[in-house]
Amino acid sequence: MAAATLRWVLQRPRDVSRAARFYAEGHDFCVNVCPLRWAELPSWPLKLALVRTNDSNLASQRVYSSMLSFTIPDINSTVSKLMVLGAVLDGSIKYEIHGEVLSLRCIDMLGLYKLA
């Protein structure tokens, strides 16, 4: 089985457009996508991803300021292994058009992504 590949570092700003502009102008990052709730800024070999959050999420203690996200070959076997090691699911698997997405809480907040 292939190893996991680090896909992106995820930040959770309240204002994605403002954060994307900050990184684009302050660090000369190119902004690939920037709707109201999501932005991708490539920084080879990774991407910086920005996902909108709000105060109510921050107050719940379930939102982290950063998250590591990995592309994996098999989401079910990876989740099983990580749960044996103490990880806890942070919601269910989401079946997006581009692939399967899942968050786990463990030593750090982790995101898993399986391409469609």
PDB file of N, CA and C in Angstrom:
ATOM      1  N   MET A   1       0.842  -1.184   0.000  1.00  0.00           N
ATOM      2  CA  MET A   1       0.000   0.000   0.000  1.00  0.00           C
ATOM      3  C   MET A   1       0.884   1.243   0.000  1.00  0.00           C
ATOM      4  N   ALA A   2       0.498   2.256  -0.745  1.00  0.00           N
ATOM      5  CA  ALA A   2       1.252   3.506  -0.831  1.00  0.00           C
ATOM      6  C   ALA A   2       1.143   4.277   0.477  1.00  0.00           C
ATOM      7  N   ALA A   3       2.161   5.054   0.779  1.00  0.00           N
ATOM      8  CA  ALA A   3       2.177   5.869   1.985  1.00  0.00           C
ATOM      9  C   ALA A   3       1.317   7.117   1.795  1.00  0.00           C
ATOM     10  N   ALA A   4       0.922   7.720   2.906  1.00  0.00           N
ATOM     11  CA  ALA A   4       0.187   8.987   2.868  1.00  0.00           C
ATOM     12  C   ALA A   4       1.114  10.090   2.366  1.00  0.00           C
ATOM     13  N   THR A   5       0.543  11.071   1.703  1.00  0.00           N
ATOM     14  CA  THR A   5       1.286  12.211   1.195  1.00  0.00           C
ATOM     15  C   THR A   5       0.720  13.469   1.820  1.00  0.00           C
ATOM     16  N   LEU A   6       1.589  14.308   2.402  1.00  0.00           N
ATOM     17  CA  LEU A   6       1.126  15.564   2.972  1.00  0.00           C
ATOM     18  C   LEU A   6       0.573  16.427   1.855  1.00  0.00           C
ATOM     19  N   ARG A   7      -0.685  16.830   1.977  1.00  0.00           N
ATOM     20  CA  ARG A   7      -1.389  17.545   0.908  1.00  0.00           C
ATOM     21  C   ARG A   7      -1.371  19.055   1.114  1.00  0.00           C
ATOM     22  N   TRP A   8      -1.757  19.518   2.318  1.00  0.00           N
ATOM     23  CA  TRP A   8      -1.759  20.941   2.585  1.00  0.00           C
ATOM     24  C   TRP A   8      -1.724  21.216   4.071  1.00  0.00           C
ATOM     25  N   VAL A   9      -1.427  22.448   4.410  1.00  0.00           N
ATOM     26  CA  VAL A   9      -1.570  22.963   5.762  1.00  0.00           C
ATOM     27  C   VAL A   9      -2.806  23.836   5.721  1.00  0.00           C
ATOM     28  N   LEU A  10      -3.716  23.623   6.647  1.00  0.00           N
ATOM     29  CA  LEU A  10      -5.004  24.294   6.646  1.00  0.00           C
ATOM     30  C   LEU A  10      -5.058  25.330   7.758  1.00  0.00           C
ATOM     31  N   GLN A  11      -5.438  26.558   7.425  1.00  0.00           N
ATOM     32  CA  GLN A  11      -5.668  27.618   8.398  1.00  0.00           C
ATOM     33  C   GLN A  11      -7.155  27.923   8.430  1.00  0.00           C
ATOM     34  N   ARG A  12      -7.674  28.376   9.579  1.00  0.00           N
ATOM     35  CA  ARG A  12      -9.100  28.624   9.752  1.00  0.00           C
ATOM     36  C   ARG A  12      -9.380  30.106  10.050  1.00  0.00           C
ATOM     37  N   PRO A  13      -9.191  31.005   9.083  1.00  0.00           N
ATOM     38  CA  PRO A  13      -9.477  32.422   9.324  1.00  0.00           C
ATOM     39  C   PRO A  13     -10.973  32.708   9.299  1.00  0.00           C
ATOM     40  N   ARG A  14     -11.380  33.822   9.904  1.00  0.00           N
ATOM     41  CA  ARG A  14     -12.779  34.249   9.845  1.00  0.00           C
ATOM     42  C   ARG A  14     -13.107  34.850   8.483  1.00  0.00           C
ATOM     43  N   ASP A  15     -12.110  35.478   7.847  1.00  0.00           N
ATOM     44  CA  ASP A  15     -12.313  36.149   6.559  1.00  0.00           C
ATOM     45  C   ASP A  15     -11.325  35.571   5.546  1.00  0.00           C
ATOM     46  N   VAL A  16     -11.793  34.630   4.719  1.00  0.00           N
ATOM     47  CA  VAL A  16     -10.931  33.936   3.763  1.00  0.00           C
ATOM     48  C   VAL A  16     -10.350  34.906   2.733  1.00  0.00           C
ATOM     49  N   SER A  17     -11.162  35.800   2.198  1.00  0.00           N
ATOM     50  CA  SER A  17     -10.665  36.747   1.193  1.00  0.00           C
ATOM     51  C   SER A  17      -9.549  37.622   1.751  1.00  0.00           C
ATOM     52  N   ARG A  18      -9.721  38.110   2.950  1.00  0.00           N
ATOM     53  CA  ARG A  18      -8.687  38.947   3.591  1.00  0.00           C
ATOM     54  C   ARG A  18      -7.414  38.148   3.844  1.00  0.00           C
ATOM     55  N   ALA A  19      -7.574  36.906   4.342  1.00  0.00           N
ATOM     56  CA  ALA A  19      -6.399  36.065   4.600  1.00  0.00           C
ATOM     57  C   ALA A  19      -5.686  35.722   3.294  1.00  0.00           C
ATOM     58  N   ALA A  20      -6.446  35.412   2.234  1.00  0.00           N
ATOM     59  CA  ALA A  20      -5.837  35.091   0.938  1.00  0.00           C
ATOM     60  C   ALA A  20      -5.064  36.294   0.412  1.00  0.00           C
ATOM     61  N   ARG A  21      -5.641  37.481   0.534  1.00  0.00           N
ATOM     62  CA  ARG A  21      -4.961  38.709   0.098  1.00  0.00           C
ATOM     63  C   ARG A  21      -3.672  38.932   0.908  1.00  0.00           C
ATOM     64  N   PHE A  22      -3.738  38.665   2.222  1.00  0.00           N
ATOM     65  CA  PHE A  22      -2.569  38.813   3.098  1.00  0.00           C
ATOM     66  C   PHE A  22      -1.415  37.926   2.619  1.00  0.00           C
ATOM     67  N   TYR A  23      -1.706  36.641   2.372  1.00  0.00           N
ATOM     68  CA  TYR A  23      -0.653  35.726   1.930  1.00  0.00           C
ATOM     69  C   TYR A  23      -0.202  36.030   0.502  1.00  0.00           C
ATOM     70  N   ALA A  24      -1.131  36.410  -0.355  1.00  0.00           N
ATOM     71  CA  ALA A  24      -0.775  36.725  -1.745  1.00  0.00           C
ATOM     72  C   ALA A  24       0.121  37.958  -1.813  1.00  0.00           C
ATOM     73  N   GLU A  25      -0.246  39.010  -1.096  1.00  0.00           N
ATOM     74  CA  GLU A  25       0.525  40.251  -1.151  1.00  0.00           C
ATOM     75  C   GLU A  25       1.736  40.229  -0.228  1.00  0.00           C
ATOM     76  N   GLY A  26       1.599  39.580   0.912  1.00  0.00           N
ATOM     77  CA  GLY A  26       2.695  39.561   1.886  1.00  0.00           C
ATOM     78  C   GLY A  26       3.772  38.537   1.599  1.00  0.00           C
ATOM     79  N   HIS A  27       3.393  37.431   0.957  1.00  0.00           N
ATOM     80  CA  HIS A  27       4.345  36.345   0.695  1.00  0.00           C
ATOM     81  C   HIS A  27       4.442  36.001  -0.786  1.00  0.00           C
ATOM     82  N   ASP A  28       3.789  36.775  -1.627  1.00  0.00           N
ATOM     83  CA  ASP A  28       3.800  36.552  -3.073  1.00  0.00           C
ATOM     84  C   ASP A  28       3.249  35.186  -3.481  1.00  0.00           C
ATOM     85  N   PHE A  29       2.284  34.658  -2.720  1.00  0.00           N
ATOM     86  CA  PHE A  29       1.627  33.414  -3.093  1.00  0.00           C
ATOM     87  C   PHE A  29       0.614  33.702  -4.199  1.00  0.00           C
ATOM     88  N   CYS A  30       0.470  32.770  -5.102  1.00  0.00           N
ATOM     89  CA  CYS A  30      -0.580  32.817  -6.113  1.00  0.00           C
ATOM     90  C   CYS A  30      -1.846  32.243  -5.467  1.00  0.00           C
ATOM     91  N   VAL A  31      -2.989  32.845  -5.707  1.00  0.00           N
ATOM     92  CA  VAL A  31      -4.246  32.329  -5.171  1.00  0.00           C
ATOM     93  C   VAL A  31      -4.959  31.585  -6.289  1.00  0.00           C
ATOM     94  N   ASN A  32      -5.097  30.248  -6.133  1.00  0.00           N
ATOM     95  CA  ASN A  32      -5.760  29.434  -7.155  1.00  0.00           C
ATOM     96  C   ASN A  32      -7.271  29.545  -7.081  1.00  0.00           C
ATOM     97  N   VAL A  33      -7.830  29.479  -5.884  1.00  0.00           N
ATOM     98  CA  VAL A  33      -9.268  29.492  -5.684  1.00  0.00           C
ATOM     99  C   VAL A  33      -9.547  30.404  -4.510  1.00  0.00           C
ATOM    100  N   CYS A  34     -10.572  31.246  -4.612  1.00  0.00           N
ATOM    101  CA  CYS A  34     -10.912  32.083  -3.468  1.00  0.00           C
ATOM    102  C   CYS A  34     -12.387  32.445  -3.452  1.00  0.00           C
ATOM    103  N   PRO A  35     -13.269  31.477  -3.216  1.00  0.00           N
ATOM    104  CA  PRO A  35     -14.666  31.831  -2.958  1.00  0.00           C
ATOM    105  C   PRO A  35     -14.778  32.348  -1.517  1.00  0.00           C
ATOM    106  N   LEU A  36     -15.943  32.516  -1.022  1.00  0.00           N
ATOM    107  CA  LEU A  36     -16.116  33.089   0.313  1.00  0.00           C
ATOM    108  C   LEU A  36     -15.624  32.182   1.440  1.00  0.00           C
ATOM    109  N   ARG A  37     -15.628  30.866   1.220  1.00  0.00           N
ATOM    110  CA  ARG A  37     -15.267  29.986   2.342  1.00  0.00           C
ATOM    111  C   ARG A  37     -14.021  29.143   2.116  1.00  0.00           C
ATOM    112  N   TRP A  38     -13.365  29.228   0.971  1.00  0.00           N
ATOM    113  CA  TRP A  38     -12.224  28.360   0.688  1.00  0.00           C
ATOM    114  C   TRP A  38     -11.233  29.062  -0.218  1.00  0.00           C
ATOM    115  N   ALA A  39      -9.938  28.911   0.066  1.00  0.00           N
ATOM    116  CA  ALA A  39      -8.892  29.416  -0.824  1.00  0.00           C
ATOM    117  C   ALA A  39      -7.731  28.441  -0.812  1.00  0.00           C
ATOM    118  N   GLU A  40      -7.071  28.281  -1.955  1.00  0.00           N
ATOM    119  CA  GLU A  40      -5.873  27.452  -2.068  1.00  0.00           C
ATOM    120  C   GLU A  40      -4.739  28.317  -2.576  1.00  0.00           C
ATOM    121  N   LEU A  41      -3.609  28.256  -1.857  1.00  0.00           N
ATOM    122  CA  LEU A  41      -2.426  29.017  -2.236  1.00  0.00           C
ATOM    123  C   LEU A  41      -1.253  28.053  -2.325  1.00  0.00           C
ATOM    124  N   PRO A  42      -0.822  27.692  -3.540  1.00  0.00           N
ATOM    125  CA  PRO A  42       0.265  26.726  -3.673  1.00  0.00           C
ATOM    126  C   PRO A  42       1.594  27.296  -3.191  1.00  0.00           C
ATOM    127  N   SER A  43       2.326  26.469  -2.491  1.00  0.00           N
ATOM    128  CA  SER A  43       3.679  26.783  -2.038  1.00  0.00           C
ATOM    129  C   SER A  43       4.450  25.475  -2.157  1.00  0.00           C
ATOM    130  N   TRP A  44       4.922  25.206  -3.357  1.00  0.00           N
ATOM    131  CA  TRP A  44       5.475  23.916  -3.703  1.00  0.00           C
ATOM    132  C   TRP A  44       6.366  23.362  -2.618  1.00  0.00           C
ATOM    133  N   PRO A  45       6.225  22.102  -2.210  1.00  0.00           N
ATOM    134  CA  PRO A  45       5.375  21.067  -2.793  1.00  0.00           C
ATOM    135  C   PRO A  45       3.988  20.981  -2.139  1.00  0.00           C
ATOM    136  N   LEU A  46       3.676  21.881  -1.215  1.00  0.00           N
ATOM    137  CA  LEU A  46       2.388  21.846  -0.508  1.00  0.00           C
ATOM    138  C   LEU A  46       1.480  22.969  -0.965  1.00  0.00           C
ATOM    139  N   LYS A  47       0.285  22.993  -0.391  1.00  0.00           N
ATOM    140  CA  LYS A  47      -0.628  24.111  -0.558  1.00  0.00           C
ATOM    141  C   LYS A  47      -1.008  24.621   0.823  1.00  0.00           C
ATOM    142  N   LEU A  48      -1.184  25.931   0.922  1.00  0.00           N
ATOM    143  CA  LEU A  48      -1.797  26.523   2.099  1.00  0.00           C
ATOM    144  C   LEU A  48      -3.275  26.616   1.777  1.00  0.00           C
ATOM    145  N   ALA A  49      -4.108  26.027   2.593  1.00  0.00           N
ATOM    146  CA  ALA A  49      -5.552  26.070   2.385  1.00  0.00           C
ATOM    147  C   ALA A  49      -6.166  26.938   3.466  1.00  0.00           C
ATOM    148  N   LEU A  50      -7.106  27.778   3.086  1.00  0.00           N
ATOM    149  CA  LEU A  50      -7.820  28.648   4.018  1.00  0.00           C
ATOM    150  C   LEU A  50      -9.291  28.267   3.983  1.00  0.00           C
ATOM    151  N   VAL A  51      -9.863  27.949   5.150  1.00  0.00           N
ATOM    152  CA  VAL A  51     -11.260  27.568   5.253  1.00  0.00           C
ATOM    153  C   VAL A  51     -11.911  28.484   6.274  1.00  0.00           C
ATOM    154  N   ARG A  52     -13.010  29.128   5.873  1.00  0.00           N
ATOM    155  CA  ARG A  52     -13.676  30.094   6.742  1.00  0.00           C
ATOM    156  C   ARG A  52     -14.192  29.432   8.013  1.00  0.00           C
ATOM    157  N   THR A  53     -14.043  30.140   9.121  1.00  0.00           N
ATOM    158  CA  THR A  53     -14.619  29.725  10.390  1.00  0.00           C
ATOM    159  C   THR A  53     -15.354  30.921  10.970  1.00  0.00           C
ATOM    160  N   ASN A  54     -16.029  30.733  12.089  1.00  0.00           N
ATOM    161  CA  ASN A  54     -16.711  31.848  12.743  1.00  0.00           C
ATOM    162  C   ASN A  54     -16.581  31.709  14.246  1.00  0.00           C
ATOM    163  N   ASP A  55     -16.980  32.736  14.985  1.00  0.00           N
ATOM    164  CA  ASP A  55     -16.811  32.753  16.440  1.00  0.00           C
ATOM    165  C   ASP A  55     -17.507  31.594  17.132  1.00  0.00           C
ATOM    166  N   SER A  56     -18.696  31.190  16.679  1.00  0.00           N
ATOM    167  CA  SER A  56     -19.401  30.107  17.358  1.00  0.00           C
ATOM    168  C   SER A  56     -18.611  28.806  17.268  1.00  0.00           C
ATOM    169  N   ASN A  57     -17.935  28.551  16.135  1.00  0.00           N
ATOM    170  CA  ASN A  57     -17.091  27.360  16.030  1.00  0.00           C
ATOM    171  C   ASN A  57     -15.896  27.455  16.956  1.00  0.00           C
ATOM    172  N   LEU A  58     -15.296  28.638  17.050  1.00  0.00           N
ATOM    173  CA  LEU A  58     -14.131  28.797  17.917  1.00  0.00           C
ATOM    174  C   LEU A  58     -14.509  28.559  19.374  1.00  0.00           C
ATOM    175  N   ALA A  59     -15.686  29.004  19.773  1.00  0.00           N
ATOM    176  CA  ALA A  59     -16.124  28.850  21.153  1.00  0.00           C
ATOM    177  C   ALA A  59     -16.376  27.395  21.510  1.00  0.00           C
ATOM    178  N   SER A  60     -16.671  26.560  20.533  1.00  0.00           N
ATOM    179  CA  SER A  60     -16.991  25.159  20.816  1.00  0.00           C
ATOM    180  C   SER A  60     -15.752  24.312  21.093  1.00  0.00           C
ATOM    181  N   GLN A  61     -14.547  24.861  20.889  1.00  0.00           N
ATOM    182  CA  GLN A  61     -13.298  24.141  21.116  1.00  0.00           C
ATOM    183  C   GLN A  61     -13.074  23.021  20.111  1.00  0.00           C
ATOM    184  N   ARG A  62     -13.899  22.919  19.065  1.00  0.00           N
ATOM    185  CA  ARG A  62     -13.727  21.862  18.072  1.00  0.00           C
ATOM    186  C   ARG A  62     -12.992  22.349  16.839  1.00  0.00           C
ATOM    187  N   VAL A  63     -12.635  23.619  16.793  1.00  0.00           N
ATOM    188  CA  VAL A  63     -11.942  24.169  15.638  1.00  0.00           C
ATOM    189  C   VAL A  63     -10.502  24.462  16.032  1.00  0.00           C
ATOM    190  N   TYR A  64      -9.592  24.032  15.220  1.00  0.00           N
ATOM    191  CA  TYR A  64      -8.186  24.260  15.433  1.00  0.00           C
ATOM    192  C   TYR A  64      -7.728  25.351  14.474  1.00  0.00           C
ATOM    193  N   SER A  65      -6.682  26.080  14.845  1.00  0.00           N
ATOM    194  CA  SER A  65      -6.217  27.137  13.958  1.00  0.00           C
ATOM    195  C   SER A  65      -5.462  26.557  12.767  1.00  0.00           C
ATOM    196  N   SER A  66      -4.852  25.411  12.926  1.00  0.00           N
ATOM    197  CA  SER A  66      -4.118  24.761  11.839  1.00  0.00           C
ATOM    198  C   SER A  66      -4.490  23.285  11.787  1.00  0.00           C
ATOM    199  N   MET A  67      -4.322  22.706  10.615  1.00  0.00           N
ATOM    200  CA  MET A  67      -4.576  21.281  10.470  1.00  0.00           C
ATOM    201  C   MET A  67      -3.690  20.762   9.354  1.00  0.00           C
ATOM    202  N   LEU A  68      -3.105  19.602   9.551  1.00  0.00           N
ATOM    203  CA  LEU A  68      -2.358  18.934   8.500  1.00  0.00           C
ATOM    204  C   LEU A  68      -3.319  18.046   7.730  1.00  0.00           C
ATOM    205  N   SER A  69      -3.225  18.051   6.423  1.00  0.00           N
ATOM    206  CA  SER A  69      -4.104  17.241   5.595  1.00  0.00           C
ATOM    207  C   SER A  69      -3.266  16.325   4.715  1.00  0.00           C
ATOM    208  N   PHE A  70      -3.656  15.050   4.638  1.00  0.00           N
ATOM    209  CA  PHE A  70      -2.913  14.054   3.889  1.00  0.00           C
ATOM    210  C   PHE A  70      -3.779  13.442   2.798  1.00  0.00           C
ATOM    211  N   THR A  71      -3.202  13.225   1.625  1.00  0.00           N
ATOM    212  CA  THR A  71      -3.833  12.425   0.590  1.00  0.00           C
ATOM    213  C   THR A  71      -3.464  10.977   0.866  1.00  0.00           C
ATOM    214  N   ILE A  72      -4.461  10.100   0.890  1.00  0.00           N
ATOM    215  CA  ILE A  72      -4.231   8.702   1.246  1.00  0.00           C
ATOM    216  C   ILE A  72      -4.852   7.792   0.187  1.00  0.00           C
ATOM    217  N   PRO A  73      -4.331   6.558   0.066  1.00  0.00           N
ATOM    218  CA  PRO A  73      -4.880   5.639  -0.939  1.00  0.00           C
ATOM    219  C   PRO A  73      -6.163   4.949  -0.487  1.00  0.00           C
ATOM    220  N   ASP A  74      -6.355   4.713   0.824  1.00  0.00           N
ATOM    221  CA  ASP A  74      -7.520   3.977   1.328  1.00  0.00           C
ATOM    222  C   ASP A  74      -7.988   4.624   2.625  1.00  0.00           C
ATOM    223  N   ILE A  75      -9.102   5.325   2.570  1.00  0.00           N
ATOM    224  CA  ILE A  75      -9.562   6.072   3.736  1.00  0.00           C
ATOM    225  C   ILE A  75     -10.004   5.151   4.872  1.00  0.00           C
ATOM    226  N   ASN A  76     -10.662   4.039   4.567  1.00  0.00           N
ATOM    227  CA  ASN A  76     -11.179   3.156   5.611  1.00  0.00           C
ATOM    228  C   ASN A  76     -10.065   2.490   6.415  1.00  0.00           C
ATOM    229  N   SER A  77      -9.053   1.943   5.747  1.00  0.00           N
ATOM    230  CA  SER A  77      -7.974   1.285   6.492  1.00  0.00           C
ATOM    231  C   SER A  77      -7.144   2.308   7.260  1.00  0.00           C
ATOM    232  N   THR A  78      -6.944   3.492   6.699  1.00  0.00           N
ATOM    233  CA  THR A  78      -6.175   4.523   7.403  1.00  0.00           C
ATOM    234  C   THR A  78      -6.914   4.982   8.655  1.00  0.00           C
ATOM    235  N   VAL A  79      -8.231   5.214   8.532  1.00  0.00           N
ATOM    236  CA  VAL A  79      -9.025   5.625   9.693  1.00  0.00           C
ATOM    237  C   VAL A  79      -8.975   4.547  10.772  1.00  0.00           C
ATOM    238  N   SER A  80      -9.111   3.287  10.385  1.00  0.00           N
ATOM    239  CA  SER A  80      -9.063   2.187  11.355  1.00  0.00           C
ATOM    240  C   SER A  80      -7.739   2.173  12.111  1.00  0.00           C
ATOM    241  N   LYS A  81      -6.627   2.300  11.385  1.00  0.00           N
ATOM    242  CA  LYS A  81      -5.305   2.301  12.036  1.00  0.00           C
ATOM    243  C   LYS A  81      -5.171   3.482  12.990  1.00  0.00           C
ATOM    244  N   LEU A  82      -5.601   4.672  12.564  1.00  0.00           N
ATOM    245  CA  LEU A  82      -5.447   5.865  13.397  1.00  0.00           C
ATOM    246  C   LEU A  82      -6.339   5.813  14.632  1.00  0.00           C
ATOM    247  N   MET A  83      -7.529   5.223  14.516  1.00  0.00           N
ATOM    248  CA  MET A  83      -8.411   5.105  15.678  1.00  0.00           C
ATOM    249  C   MET A  83      -7.839   4.141  16.707  1.00  0.00           C
ATOM    250  N   VAL A  84      -7.184   3.068  16.259  1.00  0.00           N
ATOM    251  CA  VAL A  84      -6.507   2.156  17.188  1.00  0.00           C
ATOM    252  C   VAL A  84      -5.420   2.907  17.958  1.00  0.00           C
ATOM    253  N   LEU A  85      -4.814   3.890  17.319  1.00  0.00           N
ATOM    254  CA  LEU A  85      -3.758   4.683  17.951  1.00  0.00           C
ATOM    255  C   LEU A  85      -4.301   5.847  18.785  1.00  0.00           C
ATOM    256  N   GLY A  86      -5.628   5.960  18.910  1.00  0.00           N
ATOM    257  CA  GLY A  86      -6.219   6.971  19.775  1.00  0.00           C
ATOM    258  C   GLY A  86      -6.910   8.134  19.077  1.00  0.00           C
ATOM    259  N   ALA A  87      -6.958   8.148  17.751  1.00  0.00           N
ATOM    260  CA  ALA A  87      -7.641   9.227  17.043  1.00  0.00           C
ATOM    261  C   ALA A  87      -9.153   9.109  17.230  1.00  0.00           C
ATOM    262  N   VAL A  88      -9.830  10.249  17.170  1.00  0.00           N
ATOM    263  CA  VAL A  88     -11.279  10.311  17.297  1.00  0.00           C
ATOM    264  C   VAL A  88     -11.831  11.008  16.059  1.00  0.00           C
ATOM    265  N   LEU A  89     -12.872  10.440  15.461  1.00  0.00           N
ATOM    266  CA  LEU A  89     -13.488  11.064  14.294  1.00  0.00           C
ATOM    267  C   LEU A  89     -14.067  12.422  14.669  1.00  0.00           C
ATOM    268  N   ASP A  90     -13.887  13.396  13.807  1.00  0.00           N
ATOM    269  CA  ASP A  90     -14.467  14.723  13.993  1.00  0.00           C
ATOM    270  C   ASP A  90     -15.520  14.903  12.905  1.00  0.00           C
ATOM    271  N   GLY A  91     -16.590  14.131  12.998  1.00  0.00           N
ATOM    272  CA  GLY A  91     -17.634  14.126  11.977  1.00  0.00           C
ATOM    273  C   GLY A  91     -17.511  12.885  11.112  1.00  0.00           C
ATOM    274  N   SER A  92     -18.368  12.794  10.126  1.00  0.00           N
ATOM    275  CA  SER A  92     -18.376  11.623   9.250  1.00  0.00           C
ATOM    276  C   SER A  92     -17.610  11.917   7.962  1.00  0.00           C
ATOM    277  N   ILE A  93     -17.383  10.864   7.186  1.00  0.00           N
ATOM    278  CA  ILE A  93     -16.739  11.033   5.882  1.00  0.00           C
ATOM    279  C   ILE A  93     -17.681  11.834   4.996  1.00  0.00           C
ATOM    280  N   LYS A  94     -17.136  12.838   4.329  1.00  0.00           N
ATOM    281  CA  LYS A  94     -17.914  13.635   3.380  1.00  0.00           C
ATOM    282  C   LYS A  94     -17.527  13.187   1.980  1.00  0.00           C
ATOM    283  N   TYR A  95     -18.528  12.906   1.164  1.00  0.00           N
ATOM    284  CA  TYR A  95     -18.305  12.450  -0.201  1.00  0.00           C
ATOM    285  C   TYR A  95     -18.492  13.633  -1.141  1.00  0.00           C
ATOM    286  N   GLU A  96     -17.384  14.312  -1.421  1.00  0.00           N
ATOM    287  CA  GLU A  96     -17.385  15.478  -2.298  1.00  0.00           C
ATOM    288  C   GLU A  96     -17.175  15.024  -3.736  1.00  0.00           C
ATOM    289  N   ILE A  97     -17.423  15.894  -4.684  1.00  0.00           N
ATOM    290  CA  ILE A  97     -17.259  15.562  -6.098  1.00  0.00           C
ATOM    291  C   ILE A  97     -15.804  15.212  -6.421  1.00  0.00           C
ATOM    292  N   HIS A  98     -14.860  15.794  -5.688  1.00  0.00           N
ATOM    293  CA  HIS A  98     -13.438  15.587  -5.957  1.00  0.00           C
ATOM    294  C   HIS A  98     -12.826  14.467  -5.137  1.00  0.00           C
ATOM    295  N   GLY A  99     -13.565  13.908  -4.169  1.00  0.00           N
ATOM    296  CA  GLY A  99     -13.025  12.820  -3.372  1.00  0.00           C
ATOM    297  C   GLY A  99     -13.669  12.743  -1.999  1.00  0.00           C
ATOM    298  N   GLU A 100     -13.148  11.863  -1.163  1.00  0.00           N
ATOM    299  CA  GLU A 100     -13.645  11.665   0.196  1.00  0.00           C
ATOM    300  C   GLU A 100     -12.807  12.501   1.159  1.00  0.00           C
ATOM    301  N   VAL A 101     -13.469  13.148   2.126  1.00  0.00           N
ATOM    302  CA  VAL A 101     -12.795  14.041   3.066  1.00  0.00           C
ATOM    303  C   VAL A 101     -13.228  13.670   4.475  1.00  0.00           C
ATOM    304  N   LEU A 102     -12.266  13.682   5.410  1.00  0.00           N
ATOM    305  CA  LEU A 102     -12.554  13.328   6.794  1.00  0.00           C
ATOM    306  C   LEU A 102     -11.582  14.050   7.713  1.00  0.00           C
ATOM    307  N   SER A 103     -12.059  14.458   8.887  1.00  0.00           N
ATOM    308  CA  SER A 103     -11.190  15.059   9.900  1.00  0.00           C
ATOM    309  C   SER A 103     -11.130  14.157  11.120  1.00  0.00           C
ATOM    310  N   LEU A 104      -9.952  14.122  11.744  1.00  0.00           N
ATOM    311  CA  LEU A 104      -9.724  13.346  12.959  1.00  0.00           C
ATOM    312  C   LEU A 104      -9.036  14.222  13.994  1.00  0.00           C
ATOM    313  N   ARG A 105      -9.359  13.986  15.243  1.00  0.00           N
ATOM    314  CA  ARG A 105      -8.629  14.641  16.333  1.00  0.00           C
ATOM    315  C   ARG A 105      -7.730  13.592  16.971  1.00  0.00           C
ATOM    316  N   CYS A 106      -6.479  13.945  17.157  1.00  0.00           N
ATOM    317  CA  CYS A 106      -5.516  13.056  17.806  1.00  0.00           C
ATOM    318  C   CYS A 106      -4.432  13.939  18.406  1.00  0.00           C
ATOM    319  N   ILE A 107      -3.187  13.645  18.161  1.00  0.00           N
ATOM    320  CA  ILE A 107      -2.098  14.499  18.640  1.00  0.00           C
ATOM    321  C   ILE A 107      -2.293  15.906  18.094  1.00  0.00           C
ATOM    322  N   ASP A 108      -2.647  16.010  16.831  1.00  0.00           N
ATOM    323  CA  ASP A 108      -2.991  17.251  16.152  1.00  0.00           C
ATOM    324  C   ASP A 108      -4.312  17.013  15.448  1.00  0.00           C
ATOM    325  N   MET A 109      -4.841  18.050  14.864  1.00  0.00           N
ATOM    326  CA  MET A 109      -6.022  17.881  14.007  1.00  0.00           C
ATOM    327  C   MET A 109      -5.514  17.397  12.665  1.00  0.00           C
ATOM    328  N   LEU A 110      -6.066  16.311  12.140  1.00  0.00           N
ATOM    329  CA  LEU A 110      -5.643  15.755  10.862  1.00  0.00           C
ATOM    330  C   LEU A 110      -6.811  15.711   9.896  1.00  0.00           C
ATOM    331  N   GLY A 111      -6.531  15.990   8.647  1.00  0.00           N
ATOM    332  CA  GLY A 111      -7.512  15.822   7.594  1.00  0.00           C
ATOM    333  C   GLY A 111      -7.038  14.725   6.672  1.00  0.00           C
ATOM    334  N   LEU A 112      -7.956  13.873   6.231  1.00  0.00           N
ATOM    335  CA  LEU A 112      -7.630  12.812   5.284  1.00  0.00           C
ATOM    336  C   LEU A 112      -8.420  13.059   4.018  1.00  0.00           C
ATOM    337  N   TYR A 113      -7.777  12.830   2.887  1.00  0.00           N
ATOM    338  CA  TYR A 113      -8.386  13.100   1.590  1.00  0.00           C
ATOM    339  C   TYR A 113      -8.055  11.964   0.644  1.00  0.00           C
ATOM    340  N   LYS A 114      -9.079  11.354   0.082  1.00  0.00           N
ATOM    341  CA  LYS A 114      -8.890  10.307  -0.915  1.00  0.00           C
ATOM    342  C   LYS A 114      -9.461  10.812  -2.222  1.00  0.00           C
ATOM    343  N   LEU A 115      -8.628  10.884  -3.249  1.00  0.00           N
ATOM    344  CA  LEU A 115      -9.079  11.350  -4.553  1.00  0.00           C
ATOM    345  C   LEU A 115     -10.181  10.477  -5.094  1.00  0.00           C
ATOM    346  N   ALA A 116     -11.118  11.088  -5.787  1.00  0.00           N
ATOM    347  CA  ALA A 116     -12.225  10.344  -6.395  1.00  0.00           C
ATOM    348  C   ALA A 116     -11.723   9.482  -7.539  1.00  0.00           C
TER     349      ALA A 116
END
